[in-house]
Protein backbone atom coordinates (compact mmCIF):
# COMPACT_ATOMS: atom_id res chain seq x y z
CA MET A 1 141.37 317.99 10.40
CA THR A 2 138.26 316.68 8.73
CA ILE A 3 137.72 316.89 4.98
CA LEU A 4 134.34 315.64 3.86
CA ILE A 5 134.01 314.87 0.15
CA ASP A 6 130.52 314.11 -1.14
CA ASN A 7 130.36 313.07 -4.79
CA ARG A 8 126.78 313.71 -5.92
CA THR A 9 127.41 312.96 -9.59
CA GLU A 10 126.77 309.72 -11.42
CA GLU A 11 130.47 309.62 -12.34
CA ALA A 12 132.95 308.02 -9.95
CA LEU A 13 135.46 310.43 -8.43
CA SER A 14 138.95 309.01 -8.91
CA LEU A 15 141.29 308.51 -5.99
CA GLU A 16 143.70 310.93 -7.70
CA LEU A 17 141.08 313.71 -7.72
CA SER A 18 140.06 313.06 -4.10
CA GLN A 19 143.71 313.18 -3.07
CA VAL A 20 144.40 316.42 -4.95
CA ILE A 21 141.37 318.07 -3.29
CA GLU A 22 142.64 317.02 0.14
CA LYS A 23 146.22 318.08 -0.64
CA ILE A 24 145.22 321.53 -1.86
CA ILE A 25 143.01 322.09 1.19
CA VAL A 26 145.89 321.18 3.52
CA ASP A 27 148.41 323.19 1.47
CA SER A 28 146.11 326.25 1.37
CA LEU A 29 145.71 326.21 5.13
CA ALA A 30 149.48 325.85 5.61
CA TYR A 31 150.19 328.64 3.11
CA GLU A 32 147.90 330.98 5.01
CA GLY A 33 149.22 329.87 8.42
CA PHE A 34 145.79 328.64 9.55
CA GLU A 35 146.77 326.17 12.24
CA LYS A 36 143.48 325.54 14.03
CA PRO A 37 141.96 322.09 13.56
CA CYS A 38 139.13 322.55 11.09
CA GLU A 39 136.49 320.92 8.92
CA VAL A 40 135.94 321.60 5.23
CA SER A 41 133.08 320.12 3.26
CA VAL A 42 133.46 319.54 -0.50
CA SER A 43 130.53 318.57 -2.72
CA ILE A 44 131.15 317.36 -6.26
CA VAL A 45 128.11 318.05 -8.43
CA ASP A 46 127.04 318.32 -12.06
CA ASN A 47 126.20 321.51 -13.98
CA GLU A 48 122.47 321.27 -13.27
CA GLU A 49 122.92 321.02 -9.52
CA ILE A 50 125.43 323.88 -9.34
CA ARG A 51 123.12 325.97 -11.53
CA GLN A 52 120.28 325.40 -9.04
CA ILE A 53 122.52 326.30 -6.07
CA ASN A 54 123.83 329.38 -7.90
CA LYS A 55 120.26 330.47 -8.64
CA GLN A 56 119.08 329.87 -5.08
CA PHE A 57 121.94 331.57 -3.25
CA ARG A 58 123.26 334.12 -5.75
CA ALA A 59 120.21 334.75 -7.98
CA ILE A 60 122.32 333.79 -11.01
CA ASP A 61 120.54 331.22 -13.16
CA ARG A 62 123.51 329.53 -14.81
CA ALA A 63 126.06 326.83 -14.09
CA THR A 64 129.41 327.90 -12.70
CA ASP A 65 132.60 326.02 -11.90
CA VAL A 66 132.84 326.44 -8.13
CA LEU A 67 130.90 328.01 -5.28
CA SER A 68 132.24 328.80 -1.82
CA PHE A 69 130.20 329.18 1.33
CA PRO A 70 132.49 330.45 4.13
CA LEU A 71 131.30 330.07 7.69
CA LEU A 72 133.85 332.48 9.17
CA THR A 73 134.05 336.22 8.65
CA PHE A 74 137.37 336.60 10.49
CA GLU A 75 135.94 339.45 12.53
CA GLU A 76 137.63 340.30 15.82
CA GLY A 77 135.90 338.49 18.68
CA GLU A 78 133.78 336.31 16.35
CA LEU A 79 132.46 333.15 17.97
CA VAL A 80 133.25 330.26 15.67
CA ASP A 81 131.12 327.22 15.04
CA CYS A 82 132.84 323.92 15.78
CA ASN A 83 132.00 320.30 15.05
CA GLU A 84 131.85 317.48 17.62
CA LYS A 85 135.67 317.16 17.40
CA ASN A 86 136.01 320.84 18.33
CA GLU A 87 137.27 321.62 14.83
CA VAL A 88 136.44 325.03 13.33
CA LEU A 89 133.82 324.76 10.58
CA LEU A 90 135.47 326.68 7.73
CA GLY A 91 132.72 326.21 5.18
CA ASP A 92 131.57 324.44 2.06
CA ILE A 93 133.07 324.10 -1.40
CA ILE A 94 130.87 323.02 -4.31
CA ILE A 95 132.63 322.01 -7.53
CA SER A 96 130.94 321.15 -10.81
CA LEU A 97 132.91 318.18 -12.11
CA GLU A 98 131.24 318.64 -15.48
CA ARG A 99 132.28 322.31 -15.72
CA ALA A 100 135.78 321.53 -14.43
CA ARG A 101 136.20 318.98 -17.22
CA GLU A 102 134.98 321.52 -19.81
CA GLN A 103 137.42 324.17 -18.52
CA ALA A 104 140.35 321.76 -18.39
CA GLU A 105 139.78 321.01 -22.06
CA GLU A 106 139.27 324.69 -22.88
CA TYR A 107 142.49 325.74 -21.09
CA GLY A 108 144.48 322.76 -22.36
CA HIS A 109 145.44 321.25 -19.03
CA SER A 110 144.48 318.19 -16.99
CA LEU A 111 141.30 317.72 -14.99
CA LYS A 112 143.54 317.25 -11.94
CA ARG A 113 145.04 320.71 -12.44
CA GLU A 114 141.61 322.30 -12.90
CA ILE A 115 140.21 320.64 -9.76
CA ALA A 116 143.33 321.76 -7.85
CA PHE A 117 142.86 325.33 -9.10
CA LEU A 118 139.16 325.41 -8.19
CA THR A 119 139.91 323.98 -4.75
CA ALA A 120 142.66 326.56 -4.06
CA HIS A 121 140.40 329.36 -5.27
CA SER A 122 137.57 328.25 -3.05
CA MET A 123 139.83 327.70 -0.03
CA LEU A 124 141.01 331.29 -0.28
CA HIS A 125 137.37 332.37 -0.22
CA LEU A 126 136.82 330.24 2.91
CA LEU A 127 139.88 331.94 4.43
CA GLY A 128 138.44 335.42 3.91
CA TYR A 129 139.72 336.47 0.48
CA ASP A 130 137.63 337.84 -2.34
CA HIS A 131 138.13 339.33 -5.80
CA MET A 132 135.57 342.14 -5.95
CA ASP A 133 138.09 344.66 -7.28
CA GLU A 134 141.23 344.47 -9.40
CA GLU A 135 143.68 344.67 -6.50
CA GLU A 136 141.93 341.90 -4.53
CA GLU A 137 141.80 339.77 -7.67
CA LYS A 138 145.55 340.16 -8.30
CA GLU A 139 146.34 339.21 -4.70
CA MET A 140 144.01 336.21 -4.72
CA PHE A 141 145.24 334.89 -8.06
CA ALA A 142 148.88 335.29 -7.00
CA LYS A 143 148.15 333.28 -3.85
CA GLN A 144 146.39 330.57 -5.89
CA ARG A 145 149.38 330.35 -8.22
CA GLU A 146 151.81 330.06 -5.29
CA ILE A 147 149.74 327.37 -3.57
CA LEU A 148 149.53 325.33 -6.78
CA ASN A 149 153.24 325.78 -7.55
CA LYS A 150 154.20 324.66 -4.02
CA ALA A 151 151.90 321.66 -4.41
CA GLY A 152 153.71 320.73 -7.63
CA ILE A 153 150.68 321.47 -9.84
CA PRO A 154 151.70 324.54 -11.85
CA ARG A 155 149.84 325.80 -14.88
CA GLU A 156 150.70 323.40 -17.68
């Protein structure tokens, strides 16, 4: 498995945060029973960069906490893109470190917990889940909670 983490902020990304991102990616895949070797790309950005990406790809001109760009649709017979190691390209996760810090403070928990939550949320998107209606949202949030609890990072 390849996990690419690209910190595009001026702030250093701590080893603890890098490790929690990697752990939650691995734990999310295990939770969903996704056993194929794969690649996940994670970009750590600031609010301005995520705002620009959100505007470009979603026509929403504001910063957000996380964006997910799945490369698989999980359609029957879909041909999957693979990297040079023959790993399935799952997609890209973009996290605003600035927004994650703001939300951690707002919700009264650690930055580590917020980054773990955003990573689990985004991984579920890469694995085909969405939250366009109430039922989907309940299912997705229950899965996020279970992944974080199993990882030892429950809501504080």
